[in-house]
Every structure is written in C-alpha cells, then in structure tokens.
Amino acid sequence: MGQNEGARSNQPQHLVYLDAYFIQKTELTRGAFHLFVLESGNVVEGWLESYQQSESSYPVVGVVWKDARAYCEWAGMRLPSEAQWEKAARGDDGRLYPWGNRWDAGLANTRASGHGGVLPVGSYPGNASPYGVLDMSGNALEWVADFFAPDYYERSPERNPAGPEIISDHGLRGGSFDSPPEYATTFFRDSSHSVMPNPRVGFRCAREAAP
C-alpha cells in the first residue's frame, strides 16, 4: 500500500496482508440503490425525486457515507476497508493504475476525458484491475469503511488494517470524472466529512470470504 513520494497521507509504502474477501466488480448502480430505497424503507432525502430509469446503469452518486453503509448491510455485505479497496485496484505488483504503470487518458473517466460527469459502470473495460475489477480509476470516487487520518500509514497494522479509531472524515478512493491523473491512482487517499451529498462520490460493497 501507499507510495514513498507525493502527499504525506500516501506515505510510506508498506506491505499489508489481508484475509480473503470478495468485492463488487463495478461501482453500485443507481438501479440497485433505487431498489434498496423502495424495499428497505430507508429515507434518502432527494433520491427518489432525482432517480431516472434511463440512468439505471450509472453509478449511484450523491450518497453520504451512512447511506452507502446502510445499502451494503441491507445487501449482506459491507463497505470495503481502504486496504481491501487498494488490493483490488492494485494487485500484488504495486502498479500505479489498475491497468499498469503508464497513465492512459483513454482508459478512465477523469477530467482528461472531458465527459464532465459519470458514465455507465463498466464503460471502460480496458481499465480492469488484475482481478477484473472495473472503474477503480475515475468515474466516481468511492467510499471505504475506514475513518481517515493522514498519518495512519505510519502506525497501521500489518494484517487487515481497518483504519484509525478516531472518528473524523471517512476515506475516499479512486478519483472521479473531475480528477486529474494523480488523484486517480491506485494509492491516492482522499477524504470527506460526509455531511452533504457529493455528486462525485459513489461506492461499491465487499464481503469476507467464507473460511
């Protein structure tokens, strides 16, 4: 995890060992989240009014952290830890982008693509990670389960790190349609207070593998 240069919060690069887990191949779609709202009775202010059936395959965005967590729990899953997210994006060879070490603007929906908004999940099949996971660079920023501390890597455990215990911001990963390339790497860490919905932020779920 991490990198030995750039932002302090990305440093230092270090090895992490994780128990086996599963993670969703794409960002959660608006169609899937709409079903959750209807069937669970959860009140997500403004969601039903903004939902468009024609956009069912687009990633759900503008969802605060607690509502992302609520969906994952309803579906029998959880938000991935920051370490789980990075492993799924980066593989075990330390690559800088899900597809390799060379930036390619044609492989991700970032500011360089000029779309100015999210696209349907899986629109860039060439950006698959070593595990076949899509859209981990660009499209929507993604919530992770962990709280965020810029110095966490200096003291994080070697096995199954779960983030700092101090309640502050929540972590975000992967960059969005409005991110420059350096924010869409496999290691770049971002965060948010998760108070107001952000049209750049979505999520995907994970779950532990059975023994």
Protein backbone atom coordinates (compact mmCIF):
# COMPACT_ATOMS: atom_id res chain seq x y z
CA MET A 1 0.00 0.00 0.00
CA GLY A 2 0.95 3.63 -0.41
CA GLN A 3 3.82 5.40 -2.12
CA ASN A 4 7.11 6.86 -0.94
CA GLU A 5 6.61 10.24 -2.57
CA GLY A 6 3.90 12.83 -3.05
CA ALA A 7 1.27 13.56 -0.41
CA ARG A 8 2.19 12.71 3.16
CA SER A 9 -1.03 10.73 3.59
CA ASN A 10 0.14 8.26 0.93
CA GLN A 11 3.42 7.54 2.74
CA PRO A 12 5.20 5.32 3.48
CA GLN A 13 4.81 2.46 1.04
CA HIS A 14 4.35 -0.73 3.06
CA LEU A 15 3.26 -4.35 2.83
CA VAL A 16 -0.19 -5.39 4.06
CA TYR A 17 -1.64 -8.87 4.37
CA LEU A 18 -5.39 -9.41 4.02
CA ASP A 19 -7.75 -12.28 4.67
CA ALA A 20 -9.65 -13.45 1.59
CA TYR A 21 -12.64 -11.34 0.56
CA PHE A 22 -14.96 -10.56 -2.33
CA ILE A 23 -15.58 -7.12 -3.83
CA GLN A 24 -18.13 -5.97 -6.38
CA LYS A 25 -16.81 -5.79 -9.91
CA THR A 26 -18.33 -2.35 -10.59
CA GLU A 27 -19.49 0.67 -8.67
CA LEU A 28 -23.02 0.25 -7.33
CA THR A 29 -25.62 1.33 -9.88
CA ARG A 30 -28.50 3.74 -9.43
CA GLY A 31 -30.91 0.96 -10.31
CA ALA A 32 -29.62 -1.23 -7.47
CA PHE A 33 -29.74 1.62 -4.99
CA HIS A 34 -33.26 2.55 -6.09
CA LEU A 35 -34.41 -0.99 -5.29
CA PHE A 36 -32.85 -0.67 -1.83
CA VAL A 37 -34.73 2.58 -1.15
CA LEU A 38 -38.03 1.03 -2.22
CA GLU A 39 -37.67 -2.27 -0.38
CA SER A 40 -35.90 -1.17 2.80
CA GLY A 41 -37.93 1.93 3.56
CA ASN A 42 -34.75 3.91 4.19
CA VAL A 43 -35.27 7.60 3.71
CA VAL A 44 -32.57 9.03 1.45
CA GLU A 45 -33.56 12.64 1.02
CA GLY A 46 -33.89 13.73 -2.59
CA TRP A 47 -33.06 10.32 -4.03
CA LEU A 48 -36.39 9.19 -5.48
CA GLU A 49 -37.03 12.64 -6.92
CA SER A 50 -33.71 12.55 -8.78
CA TYR A 51 -33.85 8.95 -9.98
CA GLN A 52 -34.22 8.41 -13.73
CA GLN A 53 -34.96 4.92 -15.05
CA SER A 54 -32.88 5.66 -18.14
CA GLU A 55 -29.83 6.04 -15.89
CA SER A 56 -30.15 2.71 -14.06
CA SER A 57 -26.71 1.56 -15.17
CA TYR A 58 -24.94 4.73 -13.99
CA PRO A 59 -23.14 4.64 -10.63
CA VAL A 60 -25.15 5.95 -7.73
CA VAL A 61 -23.56 9.21 -6.57
CA GLY A 62 -24.55 11.89 -4.09
CA VAL A 63 -24.95 9.30 -1.33
CA VAL A 64 -23.45 10.11 2.07
CA TRP A 65 -21.34 7.52 3.90
CA LYS A 66 -24.06 6.33 6.29
CA ASP A 67 -26.42 5.59 3.39
CA ALA A 68 -23.70 3.75 1.49
CA ARG A 69 -23.05 1.64 4.59
CA ALA A 70 -26.79 1.04 5.03
CA TYR A 71 -27.09 -0.31 1.49
CA CYS A 72 -24.16 -2.70 1.92
CA GLU A 73 -25.56 -4.03 5.20
CA TRP A 74 -29.02 -4.45 3.66
CA ALA A 75 -27.42 -6.47 0.87
CA GLY A 76 -25.50 -8.68 3.32
CA MET A 77 -22.16 -7.01 2.64
CA ARG A 78 -20.08 -4.10 3.93
CA LEU A 79 -18.06 -1.21 2.60
CA PRO A 80 -14.54 -2.40 1.75
CA SER A 81 -11.72 -1.38 4.02
CA GLU A 82 -9.22 1.01 2.49
CA ALA A 83 -6.70 -1.84 2.28
CA GLN A 84 -9.22 -4.13 0.56
CA TRP A 85 -10.04 -1.41 -1.95
CA GLU A 86 -6.38 -0.82 -2.78
CA LYS A 87 -5.58 -4.52 -3.13
CA ALA A 88 -8.48 -4.98 -5.56
CA ALA A 89 -7.29 -2.00 -7.61
CA ARG A 90 -3.54 -2.55 -7.42
CA GLY A 91 -2.96 -6.28 -7.35
CA ASP A 92 0.24 -7.55 -5.75
CA ASP A 93 2.78 -5.88 -8.04
CA GLY A 94 2.47 -2.29 -6.81
CA ARG A 95 1.05 -0.86 -10.03
CA LEU A 96 0.16 2.84 -10.18
CA TYR A 97 -3.09 2.42 -12.13
CA PRO A 98 -5.42 -0.59 -12.29
CA TRP A 99 -4.18 -1.42 -15.80
CA GLY A 100 -0.44 -0.82 -15.22
CA ASN A 101 2.15 1.87 -14.55
CA ARG A 102 1.62 4.21 -17.50
CA TRP A 103 -1.15 6.80 -17.47
CA ASP A 104 -3.62 6.47 -20.37
CA ALA A 105 -6.41 9.07 -20.54
CA GLY A 106 -8.39 6.74 -22.80
CA LEU A 107 -8.77 4.14 -20.03
CA ALA A 108 -10.57 6.15 -17.36
CA ASN A 109 -13.33 8.71 -17.00
CA THR A 110 -11.37 11.56 -15.41
CA ARG A 111 -11.06 15.29 -16.07
CA ALA A 112 -8.87 14.46 -19.06
CA SER A 113 -11.70 12.54 -20.74
CA GLY A 114 -13.86 15.67 -20.91
CA HIS A 115 -17.17 13.93 -20.16
CA GLY A 116 -17.89 16.13 -17.17
CA GLY A 117 -19.97 13.51 -15.37
CA VAL A 118 -20.27 9.83 -14.57
CA LEU A 119 -20.78 7.23 -17.29
CA PRO A 120 -22.50 3.81 -17.03
CA VAL A 121 -20.47 1.38 -14.95
CA GLY A 122 -18.06 -0.72 -16.99
CA SER A 123 -17.80 1.83 -19.80
CA TYR A 124 -14.02 1.35 -19.81
CA PRO A 125 -13.41 -2.42 -19.90
CA GLY A 126 -9.73 -1.77 -20.61
CA ASN A 127 -9.21 -0.32 -17.14
CA ALA A 128 -9.79 -3.64 -15.36
CA SER A 129 -7.54 -4.33 -12.39
CA PRO A 130 -5.53 -7.58 -12.11
CA TYR A 131 -8.63 -9.12 -10.52
CA GLY A 132 -11.03 -7.89 -13.20
CA VAL A 133 -12.48 -5.07 -11.09
CA LEU A 134 -13.63 -2.06 -13.13
CA ASP A 135 -13.78 1.73 -12.67
CA MET A 136 -11.30 1.89 -9.83
CA SER A 137 -9.70 4.83 -11.57
CA GLY A 138 -12.10 7.67 -12.30
CA ASN A 139 -15.88 7.79 -12.87
CA ALA A 140 -16.96 8.08 -9.20
CA LEU A 141 -14.94 8.50 -6.06
CA GLU A 142 -15.73 5.61 -3.71
CA TRP A 143 -16.41 5.48 0.00
CA VAL A 144 -14.44 2.98 2.07
CA ALA A 145 -15.29 1.78 5.56
CA ASP A 146 -12.33 3.41 7.32
CA PHE A 147 -12.09 6.69 9.09
CA PHE A 148 -9.26 8.82 7.69
CA ALA A 149 -6.05 10.07 9.30
CA PRO A 150 -3.21 11.48 7.16
CA ASP A 151 -0.56 9.76 9.29
CA TYR A 152 -2.28 6.37 9.58
CA TYR A 153 0.25 4.52 7.41
CA GLU A 154 2.99 5.38 9.90
CA ARG A 155 1.33 3.16 12.52
CA SER A 156 -1.13 0.88 10.72
CA PRO A 157 -1.01 -2.87 11.49
CA GLU A 158 0.49 -5.31 9.03
CA ARG A 159 -2.59 -7.54 8.84
CA ASN A 160 -6.13 -6.46 7.96
CA PRO A 161 -5.78 -2.74 8.79
CA ALA A 162 -9.17 -1.18 9.47
CA GLY A 163 -8.29 2.49 9.75
CA PRO A 164 -7.83 4.77 12.78
CA GLU A 165 -10.23 4.67 15.71
CA ILE A 166 -10.53 8.44 15.94
CA ILE A 167 -13.83 9.47 14.38
CA SER A 168 -13.14 12.11 11.74
CA ASP A 169 -13.51 12.12 7.98
CA HIS A 170 -14.24 8.94 6.05
CA GLY A 171 -11.89 7.71 3.36
CA LEU A 172 -12.45 8.05 -0.37
CA ARG A 173 -10.61 6.24 -3.15
CA GLY A 174 -10.18 6.09 -6.91
CA GLY A 175 -10.70 9.60 -8.22
CA SER A 176 -13.75 10.82 -10.13
CA PHE A 177 -14.75 12.22 -13.51
CA ASP A 178 -13.37 15.56 -12.28
CA SER A 179 -9.99 14.30 -11.02
CA PRO A 180 -6.54 14.89 -12.50
CA PRO A 181 -4.47 11.75 -13.20
CA GLU A 182 -2.50 11.98 -9.94
CA TYR A 183 -5.78 11.64 -7.97
CA ALA A 184 -6.87 8.58 -9.97
CA THR A 185 -4.00 6.31 -8.96
CA THR A 186 -4.36 3.08 -7.02
CA PHE A 187 -2.72 4.60 -3.94
CA PHE A 188 -4.05 8.16 -3.67
CA ARG A 189 -6.07 8.79 -0.49
CA ASP A 190 -8.86 11.33 -0.18
CA SER A 191 -11.49 12.01 2.47
CA SER A 192 -14.74 13.81 3.22
CA HIS A 193 -16.84 14.79 6.23
CA SER A 194 -19.80 13.05 4.56
CA VAL A 195 -22.24 15.73 5.69
CA MET A 196 -23.55 16.87 2.33
CA PRO A 197 -24.17 14.61 -0.72
CA ASN A 198 -21.42 14.97 -3.30
CA PRO A 199 -22.26 14.32 -6.99
CA ARG A 200 -18.76 12.89 -7.50
CA VAL A 201 -18.97 10.23 -4.76
CA GLY A 202 -20.34 6.69 -5.00
CA PHE A 203 -19.34 3.28 -3.62
CA ARG A 204 -19.13 -0.47 -4.07
CA CYS A 205 -19.56 -3.23 -1.49
CA ALA A 206 -17.41 -6.12 -0.32
CA ARG A 207 -17.75 -9.12 1.98
CA GLU A 208 -15.44 -11.54 3.72
CA ALA A 209 -14.89 -14.92 2.08
CA ALA A 210 -16.09 -17.99 3.96
CA PRO A 211 -13.30 -19.94 5.73
